[in-house]
């Protein structure tokens, strides 16, 4: 089985897309919602 440049590009594209989908899934998961809400309010907390 020979790999040419186009096959490697296709594999890299699929891996990158998979990583993107994983990051989006992680960011929008219900478990992370409270953490992100707390982080969003950090600039408004007074010392």
PDB file of N, CA and C in Angstrom:
ATOM      1  N   UNK A   1       0.840  -1.174   0.000  1.00  0.00           N
ATOM      2  CA  UNK A   1       0.000   0.000   0.000  1.00  0.00           C
ATOM      3  C   UNK A   1       0.886   1.238   0.000  1.00  0.00           C
ATOM      4  N   UNK A   2       0.680   2.081  -0.971  1.00  0.00           N
ATOM      5  CA  UNK A   2       1.478   3.299  -1.084  1.00  0.00           C
ATOM      6  C   UNK A   2       0.659   4.500  -0.635  1.00  0.00           C
ATOM      7  N   UNK A   3       1.329   5.379   0.079  1.00  0.00           N
ATOM      8  CA  UNK A   3       0.697   6.633   0.489  1.00  0.00           C
ATOM      9  C   UNK A   3       1.318   7.760  -0.311  1.00  0.00           C
ATOM     10  N   UNK A   4       0.473   8.510  -0.963  1.00  0.00           N
ATOM     11  CA  UNK A   4       0.971   9.695  -1.636  1.00  0.00           C
ATOM     12  C   UNK A   4       0.582  10.923  -0.809  1.00  0.00           C
ATOM     13  N   UNK A   5       0.958  12.078  -1.275  1.00  0.00           N
ATOM     14  CA  UNK A   5       0.729  13.313  -0.530  1.00  0.00           C
ATOM     15  C   UNK A   5      -0.760  13.559  -0.321  1.00  0.00           C
ATOM     16  N   UNK A   6      -1.577  13.252  -1.312  1.00  0.00           N
ATOM     17  CA  UNK A   6      -3.010  13.499  -1.190  1.00  0.00           C
ATOM     18  C   UNK A   6      -3.658  12.618  -0.120  1.00  0.00           C
ATOM     19  N   UNK A   7      -3.186  11.393   0.016  1.00  0.00           N
ATOM     20  CA  UNK A   7      -3.706  10.516   1.061  1.00  0.00           C
ATOM     21  C   UNK A   7      -3.338  11.057   2.435  1.00  0.00           C
ATOM     22  N   UNK A   8      -2.129  11.525   2.594  1.00  0.00           N
ATOM     23  CA  UNK A   8      -1.708  12.102   3.871  1.00  0.00           C
ATOM     24  C   UNK A   8      -2.486  13.372   4.183  1.00  0.00           C
ATOM     25  N   UNK A   9      -2.765  14.169   3.164  1.00  0.00           N
ATOM     26  CA  UNK A   9      -3.577  15.375   3.364  1.00  0.00           C
ATOM     27  C   UNK A   9      -4.995  15.018   3.801  1.00  0.00           C
ATOM     28  N   UNK A  10      -5.566  13.988   3.203  1.00  0.00           N
ATOM     29  CA  UNK A  10      -6.915  13.556   3.568  1.00  0.00           C
ATOM     30  C   UNK A  10      -6.946  13.055   5.006  1.00  0.00           C
ATOM     31  N   UNK A  11      -5.945  12.299   5.402  1.00  0.00           N
ATOM     32  CA  UNK A  11      -5.867  11.801   6.777  1.00  0.00           C
ATOM     33  C   UNK A  11      -5.715  12.970   7.751  1.00  0.00           C
ATOM     34  N   UNK A  12      -4.861  13.933   7.425  1.00  0.00           N
ATOM     35  CA  UNK A  12      -4.670  15.093   8.287  1.00  0.00           C
ATOM     36  C   UNK A  12      -5.959  15.906   8.399  1.00  0.00           C
ATOM     37  N   UNK A  13      -6.695  16.015   7.305  1.00  0.00           N
ATOM     38  CA  UNK A  13      -7.967  16.735   7.333  1.00  0.00           C
ATOM     39  C   UNK A  13      -8.973  16.030   8.231  1.00  0.00           C
ATOM     40  N   UNK A  14      -9.070  14.724   8.117  1.00  0.00           N
ATOM     41  CA  UNK A  14     -10.005  13.962   8.948  1.00  0.00           C
ATOM     42  C   UNK A  14      -9.636  14.034  10.423  1.00  0.00           C
ATOM     43  N   UNK A  15      -8.355  13.954  10.737  1.00  0.00           N
ATOM     44  CA  UNK A  15      -7.910  14.058  12.131  1.00  0.00           C
ATOM     45  C   UNK A  15      -8.208  15.451  12.680  1.00  0.00           C
ATOM     46  N   UNK A  16      -7.953  16.478  11.896  1.00  0.00           N
ATOM     47  CA  UNK A  16      -8.227  17.850  12.323  1.00  0.00           C
ATOM     48  C   UNK A  16      -9.719  18.065  12.534  1.00  0.00           C
ATOM     49  N   UNK A  17     -10.531  17.542  11.636  1.00  0.00           N
ATOM     50  CA  UNK A  17     -11.978  17.673  11.781  1.00  0.00           C
ATOM     51  C   UNK A  17     -12.462  16.942  13.031  1.00  0.00           C
ATOM     52  N   UNK A  18     -11.909  15.775  13.275  1.00  0.00           N
ATOM     53  CA  UNK A  18     -12.271  15.027  14.484  1.00  0.00           C
ATOM     54  C   UNK A  18     -11.896  15.794  15.747  1.00  0.00           C
ATOM     55  N   UNK A  19     -10.724  16.420  15.743  1.00  0.00           N
ATOM     56  CA  UNK A  19     -10.306  17.223  16.896  1.00  0.00           C
ATOM     57  C   UNK A  19     -11.234  18.422  17.073  1.00  0.00           C
ATOM     58  N   UNK A  20     -11.617  19.058  15.993  1.00  0.00           N
ATOM     59  CA  UNK A  20     -12.538  20.193  16.054  1.00  0.00           C
ATOM     60  C   UNK A  20     -13.880  19.772  16.652  1.00  0.00           C
ATOM     61  N   UNK A  21     -14.432  18.677  16.173  1.00  0.00           N
ATOM     62  CA  UNK A  21     -15.704  18.187  16.691  1.00  0.00           C
ATOM     63  C   UNK A  21     -15.570  17.842  18.174  1.00  0.00           C
ATOM     64  N   UNK A  22     -14.455  17.259  18.570  1.00  0.00           N
ATOM     65  CA  UNK A  22     -14.233  16.932  19.981  1.00  0.00           C
ATOM     66  C   UNK A  22     -14.179  18.174  20.856  1.00  0.00           C
ATOM     67  N   UNK A  23     -13.526  19.214  20.393  1.00  0.00           N
ATOM     68  CA  UNK A  23     -13.437  20.454  21.165  1.00  0.00           C
ATOM     69  C   UNK A  23     -14.808  21.114  21.272  1.00  0.00           C
ATOM     70  N   UNK A  24     -15.562  21.133  20.178  1.00  0.00           N
ATOM     71  CA  UNK A  24     -16.905  21.712  20.211  1.00  0.00           C
ATOM     72  C   UNK A  24     -17.794  20.918  21.164  1.00  0.00           C
ATOM     73  N   UNK A  25     -17.723  19.610  21.108  1.00  0.00           N
ATOM     74  CA  UNK A  25     -18.523  18.763  21.991  1.00  0.00           C
ATOM     75  C   UNK A  25     -18.150  19.021  23.451  1.00  0.00           C
ATOM     76  N   UNK A  26     -16.870  19.136  23.743  1.00  0.00           N
ATOM     77  CA  UNK A  26     -16.405  19.393  25.105  1.00  0.00           C
ATOM     78  C   UNK A  26     -16.892  20.760  25.593  1.00  0.00           C
ATOM     79  N   UNK A  27     -16.786  21.770  24.738  1.00  0.00           N
ATOM     80  CA  UNK A  27     -17.147  23.128  25.139  1.00  0.00           C
ATOM     81  C   UNK A  27     -18.655  23.273  25.369  1.00  0.00           C
ATOM     82  N   UNK A  28     -19.459  22.554  24.628  1.00  0.00           N
ATOM     83  CA  UNK A  28     -20.909  22.690  24.745  1.00  0.00           C
ATOM     84  C   UNK A  28     -21.548  21.621  25.626  1.00  0.00           C
ATOM     85  N   UNK A  29     -20.750  20.796  26.286  1.00  0.00           N
ATOM     86  CA  UNK A  29     -21.322  19.752  27.126  1.00  0.00           C
ATOM     87  C   UNK A  29     -21.961  20.364  28.372  1.00  0.00           C
ATOM     88  N   UNK A  30     -22.962  19.716  28.892  1.00  0.00           N
ATOM     89  CA  UNK A  30     -23.693  20.212  30.060  1.00  0.00           C
ATOM     90  C   UNK A  30     -22.798  20.250  31.300  1.00  0.00           C
ATOM     91  N   UNK A  31     -21.847  19.338  31.399  1.00  0.00           N
ATOM     92  CA  UNK A  31     -20.965  19.308  32.573  1.00  0.00           C
ATOM     93  C   UNK A  31     -20.118  20.567  32.678  1.00  0.00           C
ATOM     94  N   UNK A  32     -19.762  21.161  31.560  1.00  0.00           N
ATOM     95  CA  UNK A  32     -18.878  22.322  31.559  1.00  0.00           C
ATOM     96  C   UNK A  32     -19.631  23.642  31.702  1.00  0.00           C
ATOM     97  N   UNK A  33     -20.947  23.617  31.611  1.00  0.00           N
ATOM     98  CA  UNK A  33     -21.748  24.835  31.614  1.00  0.00           C
ATOM     99  C   UNK A  33     -21.523  25.672  32.870  1.00  0.00           C
ATOM    100  N   UNK A  34     -21.535  25.047  34.039  1.00  0.00           N
ATOM    101  CA  UNK A  34     -21.336  25.787  35.290  1.00  0.00           C
ATOM    102  C   UNK A  34     -19.943  26.392  35.366  1.00  0.00           C
ATOM    103  N   UNK A  35     -18.940  25.647  34.929  1.00  0.00           N
ATOM    104  CA  UNK A  35     -17.562  26.162  34.956  1.00  0.00           C
ATOM    105  C   UNK A  35     -17.414  27.374  34.044  1.00  0.00           C
ATOM    106  N   UNK A  36     -18.004  27.322  32.868  1.00  0.00           N
ATOM    107  CA  UNK A  36     -17.889  28.439  31.933  1.00  0.00           C
ATOM    108  C   UNK A  36     -18.693  29.652  32.404  1.00  0.00           C
ATOM    109  N   UNK A  37     -19.834  29.412  33.042  1.00  0.00           N
ATOM    110  CA  UNK A  37     -20.614  30.526  33.586  1.00  0.00           C
ATOM    111  C   UNK A  37     -19.830  31.233  34.691  1.00  0.00           C
ATOM    112  N   UNK A  38     -19.194  30.461  35.536  1.00  0.00           N
ATOM    113  CA  UNK A  38     -18.368  31.038  36.599  1.00  0.00           C
ATOM    114  C   UNK A  38     -17.193  31.815  36.019  1.00  0.00           C
ATOM    115  N   UNK A  39     -16.543  31.273  35.020  1.00  0.00           N
ATOM    116  CA  UNK A  39     -15.407  31.951  34.389  1.00  0.00           C
ATOM    117  C   UNK A  39     -15.855  33.227  33.677  1.00  0.00           C
ATOM    118  N   UNK A  40     -17.056  33.223  33.122  1.00  0.00           N
ATOM    119  CA  UNK A  40     -17.552  34.413  32.422  1.00  0.00           C
ATOM    120  C   UNK A  40     -17.801  35.566  33.391  1.00  0.00           C
ATOM    121  N   UNK A  41     -18.100  35.258  34.637  1.00  0.00           N
ATOM    122  CA  UNK A  41     -18.396  36.283  35.627  1.00  0.00           C
ATOM    123  C   UNK A  41     -17.170  36.740  36.420  1.00  0.00           C
ATOM    124  N   UNK A  42     -16.018  36.157  36.190  1.00  0.00           N
ATOM    125  CA  UNK A  42     -14.812  36.529  36.929  1.00  0.00           C
ATOM    126  C   UNK A  42     -14.462  38.023  36.810  1.00  0.00           C
ATOM    127  N   UNK A  43     -14.565  38.649  35.660  1.00  0.00           N
ATOM    128  CA  UNK A  43     -14.198  40.075  35.582  1.00  0.00           C
ATOM    129  C   UNK A  43     -15.101  40.983  36.411  1.00  0.00           C
ATOM    130  N   UNK A  44     -16.288  40.514  36.770  1.00  0.00           N
ATOM    131  CA  UNK A  44     -17.238  41.344  37.500  1.00  0.00           C
ATOM    132  C   UNK A  44     -17.148  41.180  39.009  1.00  0.00           C
ATOM    133  N   UNK A  45     -16.345  40.234  39.472  1.00  0.00           N
ATOM    134  CA  UNK A  45     -16.192  40.034  40.916  1.00  0.00           C
ATOM    135  C   UNK A  45     -15.276  41.093  41.484  1.00  0.00           C
ATOM    136  N   UNK A  46     -15.651  41.604  42.634  1.00  0.00           N
ATOM    137  CA  UNK A  46     -14.822  42.624  43.270  1.00  0.00           C
ATOM    138  C   UNK A  46     -13.986  42.002  44.359  1.00  0.00           C
ATOM    139  N   UNK A  47     -12.803  42.518  44.506  1.00  0.00           N
ATOM    140  CA  UNK A  47     -11.888  41.994  45.532  1.00  0.00           C
ATOM    141  C   UNK A  47     -12.255  42.489  46.911  1.00  0.00           C
TER     142      UNK A  47
END
